[in-house]
Amino acid sequence: MSNQRVNAISPLAQEPSLQPRSSNASNPASLELSVHELATIGKSLLIRGEITGSESLSIEGRVEGSINLPGNRVTVRRNGQVSATIAAREIVVLGHVDGRCEASDNLDIGSEGSLNGDVVVSRISVEDGAIFTGSIDMR
């Protein structure tokens, strides 16, 4: 699996941009990324199993299993297909998700997104054209 750090903007929720900072201005190799990092699962990748970590995740490929990123954002891009339980601070669905979603902050389903599964959320938004099948438990 390849972790990529990118400067990404979600159509529904803007990811904080990555700001390089230098601990040693004379050495460009010492540049570091700020705390807001983003990992990407590319279009051609299939991941089966459990994903855990401490950075936000963008999914353009397929994931089967479970995703547990409680303090971060999980974004399922338009080409993304997820058959998994997702637990995160924020969940953005622009592609297809089959499975239970637990978002401690908010869940957004875009106009081309579909979610088939029960959700536990504080806030939810469903755009016109989105498909949602399941129950909502507001906490």
C-alpha atoms as a PDB file:
ATOM      1  CA  MET A   1       0.000   0.000   0.000  1.00  0.00           C
ATOM      2  CA  SER A   2       1.290   3.441  -0.862  1.00  0.00           C
ATOM      3  CA  ASN A   3       0.747   6.386   1.468  1.00  0.00           C
ATOM      4  CA  GLN A   4       0.626   9.660  -0.388  1.00  0.00           C
ATOM      5  CA  ARG A   5       0.561  13.068   1.176  1.00  0.00           C
ATOM      6  CA  VAL A   6      -1.454  15.458  -0.964  1.00  0.00           C
ATOM      7  CA  ASN A   7      -3.057  18.849  -0.824  1.00  0.00           C
ATOM      8  CA  ALA A   8      -6.723  17.901  -1.379  1.00  0.00           C
ATOM      9  CA  ILE A   9     -10.034  19.736  -1.304  1.00  0.00           C
ATOM     10  CA  SER A  10     -13.255  17.768  -0.895  1.00  0.00           C
ATOM     11  CA  PRO A  11     -16.300  19.125  -2.703  1.00  0.00           C
ATOM     12  CA  LEU A  12     -18.297  18.904   0.525  1.00  0.00           C
ATOM     13  CA  ALA A  13     -15.782  19.521   3.262  1.00  0.00           C
ATOM     14  CA  GLN A  14     -12.461  21.250   2.872  1.00  0.00           C
ATOM     15  CA  GLU A  15      -9.447  19.388   4.218  1.00  0.00           C
ATOM     16  CA  PRO A  16      -7.000  21.709   6.002  1.00  0.00           C
ATOM     17  CA  SER A  17      -4.191  22.335   3.545  1.00  0.00           C
ATOM     18  CA  LEU A  18      -0.761  20.947   4.157  1.00  0.00           C
ATOM     19  CA  GLN A  19       1.729  23.604   5.172  1.00  0.00           C
ATOM     20  CA  PRO A  20       5.407  22.754   4.846  1.00  0.00           C
ATOM     21  CA  ARG A  21       7.582  23.964   7.649  1.00  0.00           C
ATOM     22  CA  SER A  22      11.314  23.826   7.931  1.00  0.00           C
ATOM     23  CA  SER A  23      13.177  22.900  11.077  1.00  0.00           C
ATOM     24  CA  ASN A  24      16.439  23.826   9.325  1.00  0.00           C
ATOM     25  CA  ALA A  25      15.991  26.515   6.674  1.00  0.00           C
ATOM     26  CA  SER A  26      19.356  25.770   5.038  1.00  0.00           C
ATOM     27  CA  ASN A  27      18.448  22.122   4.350  1.00  0.00           C
ATOM     28  CA  PRO A  28      15.423  21.631   2.027  1.00  0.00           C
ATOM     29  CA  ALA A  29      15.458  17.879   2.773  1.00  0.00           C
ATOM     30  CA  SER A  30      14.426  18.661   6.343  1.00  0.00           C
ATOM     31  CA  LEU A  31      10.966  19.964   5.347  1.00  0.00           C
ATOM     32  CA  GLU A  32       8.140  18.359   7.329  1.00  0.00           C
ATOM     33  CA  LEU A  33       4.393  18.300   6.783  1.00  0.00           C
ATOM     34  CA  SER A  34       2.076  19.718   9.404  1.00  0.00           C
ATOM     35  CA  VAL A  35      -0.119  17.491  11.565  1.00  0.00           C
ATOM     36  CA  HIS A  36      -2.933  17.431   8.960  1.00  0.00           C
ATOM     37  CA  GLU A  37      -1.851  14.567   6.715  1.00  0.00           C
ATOM     38  CA  LEU A  38      -3.910  12.686   4.145  1.00  0.00           C
ATOM     39  CA  ALA A  39      -3.407   9.094   2.998  1.00  0.00           C
ATOM     40  CA  THR A  40      -4.881   7.997  -0.331  1.00  0.00           C
ATOM     41  CA  ILE A  41      -5.999   4.585  -1.563  1.00  0.00           C
ATOM     42  CA  GLY A  42      -5.669   4.864  -5.346  1.00  0.00           C
ATOM     43  CA  LYS A  43      -8.185   3.852  -8.013  1.00  0.00           C
ATOM     44  CA  SER A  44      -6.469   0.563  -8.873  1.00  0.00           C
ATOM     45  CA  LEU A  45      -6.049  -0.641  -5.268  1.00  0.00           C
ATOM     46  CA  LEU A  46      -8.129  -3.201  -3.378  1.00  0.00           C
ATOM     47  CA  ILE A  47      -7.607  -3.334   0.383  1.00  0.00           C
ATOM     48  CA  ARG A  48      -9.070  -6.179   2.449  1.00  0.00           C
ATOM     49  CA  GLY A  49      -8.816  -6.057   6.231  1.00  0.00           C
ATOM     50  CA  GLU A  50      -8.652  -3.460   8.984  1.00  0.00           C
ATOM     51  CA  ILE A  51      -7.436   0.110   8.470  1.00  0.00           C
ATOM     52  CA  THR A  52      -6.472   2.097  11.564  1.00  0.00           C
ATOM     53  CA  GLY A  53      -4.326   5.167  12.014  1.00  0.00           C
ATOM     54  CA  SER A  54      -4.055   8.799  12.946  1.00  0.00           C
ATOM     55  CA  GLU A  55      -4.424  10.606   9.642  1.00  0.00           C
ATOM     56  CA  SER A  56      -7.275  11.348   7.280  1.00  0.00           C
ATOM     57  CA  LEU A  57      -7.985   8.921   4.445  1.00  0.00           C
ATOM     58  CA  SER A  58      -9.154   9.442   0.871  1.00  0.00           C
ATOM     59  CA  ILE A  59     -10.458   6.333  -0.901  1.00  0.00           C
ATOM     60  CA  GLU A  60     -10.549   6.182  -4.691  1.00  0.00           C
ATOM     61  CA  GLY A  61     -10.236   2.389  -4.957  1.00  0.00           C
ATOM     62  CA  ARG A  62     -11.955  -0.479  -3.111  1.00  0.00           C
ATOM     63  CA  VAL A  63     -11.899  -1.289   0.602  1.00  0.00           C
ATOM     64  CA  GLU A  64     -13.443  -4.344   2.274  1.00  0.00           C
ATOM     65  CA  GLY A  65     -13.306  -4.804   6.060  1.00  0.00           C
ATOM     66  CA  SER A  66     -13.208  -2.024   8.639  1.00  0.00           C
ATOM     67  CA  ILE A  67     -11.896   1.535   8.830  1.00  0.00           C
ATOM     68  CA  ASN A  68     -11.228   2.992  12.281  1.00  0.00           C
ATOM     69  CA  LEU A  69      -9.893   6.580  12.219  1.00  0.00           C
ATOM     70  CA  PRO A  70     -11.745   8.139  15.173  1.00  0.00           C
ATOM     71  CA  GLY A  71     -10.101  11.578  15.160  1.00  0.00           C
ATOM     72  CA  ASN A  72      -9.938  12.049  11.405  1.00  0.00           C
ATOM     73  CA  ARG A  73     -11.861  12.325   8.141  1.00  0.00           C
ATOM     74  CA  VAL A  74     -12.649   9.464   5.756  1.00  0.00           C
ATOM     75  CA  THR A  75     -13.561  10.565   2.235  1.00  0.00           C
ATOM     76  CA  VAL A  76     -14.929   8.029  -0.248  1.00  0.00           C
ATOM     77  CA  ARG A  77     -14.287   9.655  -3.641  1.00  0.00           C
ATOM     78  CA  ARG A  78     -16.537   9.277  -6.689  1.00  0.00           C
ATOM     79  CA  ASN A  79     -14.751   6.131  -7.895  1.00  0.00           C
ATOM     80  CA  GLY A  80     -14.445   4.713  -4.365  1.00  0.00           C
ATOM     81  CA  GLN A  81     -16.274   1.550  -3.338  1.00  0.00           C
ATOM     82  CA  VAL A  82     -16.311   0.595   0.317  1.00  0.00           C
ATOM     83  CA  SER A  83     -17.811  -2.515   1.912  1.00  0.00           C
ATOM     84  CA  ALA A  84     -16.800  -1.834   5.487  1.00  0.00           C
ATOM     85  CA  THR A  85     -17.702  -0.477   8.878  1.00  0.00           C
ATOM     86  CA  ILE A  86     -16.401   3.100   9.069  1.00  0.00           C
ATOM     87  CA  ALA A  87     -15.702   4.919  12.352  1.00  0.00           C
ATOM     88  CA  ALA A  88     -14.306   8.458  12.029  1.00  0.00           C
ATOM     89  CA  ARG A  89     -14.772  12.046  13.161  1.00  0.00           C
ATOM     90  CA  GLU A  90     -16.070  13.014   9.710  1.00  0.00           C
ATOM     91  CA  ILE A  91     -17.237  10.832   6.829  1.00  0.00           C
ATOM     92  CA  VAL A  92     -17.766  12.171   3.304  1.00  0.00           C
ATOM     93  CA  VAL A  93     -19.426   9.841   0.788  1.00  0.00           C
ATOM     94  CA  LEU A  94     -19.086  10.791  -2.873  1.00  0.00           C
ATOM     95  CA  GLY A  95     -18.858   7.186  -4.118  1.00  0.00           C
ATOM     96  CA  HIS A  96     -20.476   3.982  -2.833  1.00  0.00           C
ATOM     97  CA  VAL A  97     -20.488   2.661   0.756  1.00  0.00           C
ATOM     98  CA  ASP A  98     -22.057  -0.583   2.018  1.00  0.00           C
ATOM     99  CA  GLY A  99     -21.771  -0.803   5.787  1.00  0.00           C
ATOM    100  CA  ARG A 100     -22.344   0.831   9.143  1.00  0.00           C
ATOM    101  CA  CYS A 101     -20.964   4.374   9.571  1.00  0.00           C
ATOM    102  CA  GLU A 102     -20.219   6.047  12.895  1.00  0.00           C
ATOM    103  CA  ALA A 103     -19.211   9.711  12.680  1.00  0.00           C
ATOM    104  CA  SER A 104     -18.543  11.543  15.933  1.00  0.00           C
ATOM    105  CA  ASP A 105     -18.943  14.903  14.175  1.00  0.00           C
ATOM    106  CA  ASN A 106     -20.715  14.752  10.813  1.00  0.00           C
ATOM    107  CA  LEU A 107     -21.575  12.597   7.802  1.00  0.00           C
ATOM    108  CA  ASP A 108     -22.021  14.122   4.330  1.00  0.00           C
ATOM    109  CA  ILE A 109     -23.443  12.219   1.358  1.00  0.00           C
ATOM    110  CA  GLY A 110     -22.810  13.975  -1.960  1.00  0.00           C
ATOM    111  CA  SER A 111     -25.229  14.158  -4.868  1.00  0.00           C
ATOM    112  CA  GLU A 112     -23.564  11.202  -6.636  1.00  0.00           C
ATOM    113  CA  GLY A 113     -22.910   9.249  -3.427  1.00  0.00           C
ATOM    114  CA  SER A 114     -24.748   6.226  -2.100  1.00  0.00           C
ATOM    115  CA  LEU A 115     -24.742   4.730   1.364  1.00  0.00           C
ATOM    116  CA  ASN A 116     -26.403   1.446   2.246  1.00  0.00           C
ATOM    117  CA  GLY A 117     -26.178   0.906   5.993  1.00  0.00           C
ATOM    118  CA  ASP A 118     -27.090   2.228   9.394  1.00  0.00           C
ATOM    119  CA  VAL A 119     -25.446   5.408  10.644  1.00  0.00           C
ATOM    120  CA  VAL A 120     -24.695   6.844  14.073  1.00  0.00           C
ATOM    121  CA  VAL A 121     -23.976  10.577  13.803  1.00  0.00           C
ATOM    122  CA  SER A 122     -24.158  13.968  15.460  1.00  0.00           C
ATOM    123  CA  ARG A 123     -24.971  15.712  12.166  1.00  0.00           C
ATOM    124  CA  ILE A 124     -25.828  14.468   8.684  1.00  0.00           C
ATOM    125  CA  SER A 125     -26.330  16.117   5.307  1.00  0.00           C
ATOM    126  CA  VAL A 126     -27.682  14.377   2.231  1.00  0.00           C
ATOM    127  CA  GLU A 127     -27.552  16.281  -1.055  1.00  0.00           C
ATOM    128  CA  ASP A 128     -30.257  16.041  -3.725  1.00  0.00           C
ATOM    129  CA  GLY A 129     -29.628  12.976  -5.882  1.00  0.00           C
ATOM    130  CA  ALA A 130     -27.820  11.024  -3.163  1.00  0.00           C
ATOM    131  CA  ILE A 131     -28.982   7.526  -2.245  1.00  0.00           C
ATOM    132  CA  PHE A 132     -29.298   6.511   1.411  1.00  0.00           C
ATOM    133  CA  THR A 133     -30.782   3.241   2.654  1.00  0.00           C
ATOM    134  CA  GLY A 134     -30.664   2.510   6.372  1.00  0.00           C
ATOM    135  CA  SER A 135     -31.437   4.022   9.740  1.00  0.00           C
ATOM    136  CA  ILE A 136     -30.065   7.135  11.426  1.00  0.00           C
ATOM    137  CA  ASP A 137     -29.219   7.273  15.135  1.00  0.00           C
ATOM    138  CA  MET A 138     -28.621  10.913  16.099  1.00  0.00           C
ATOM    139  CA  ARG A 139     -26.497  11.376  19.205  1.00  0.00           C
END
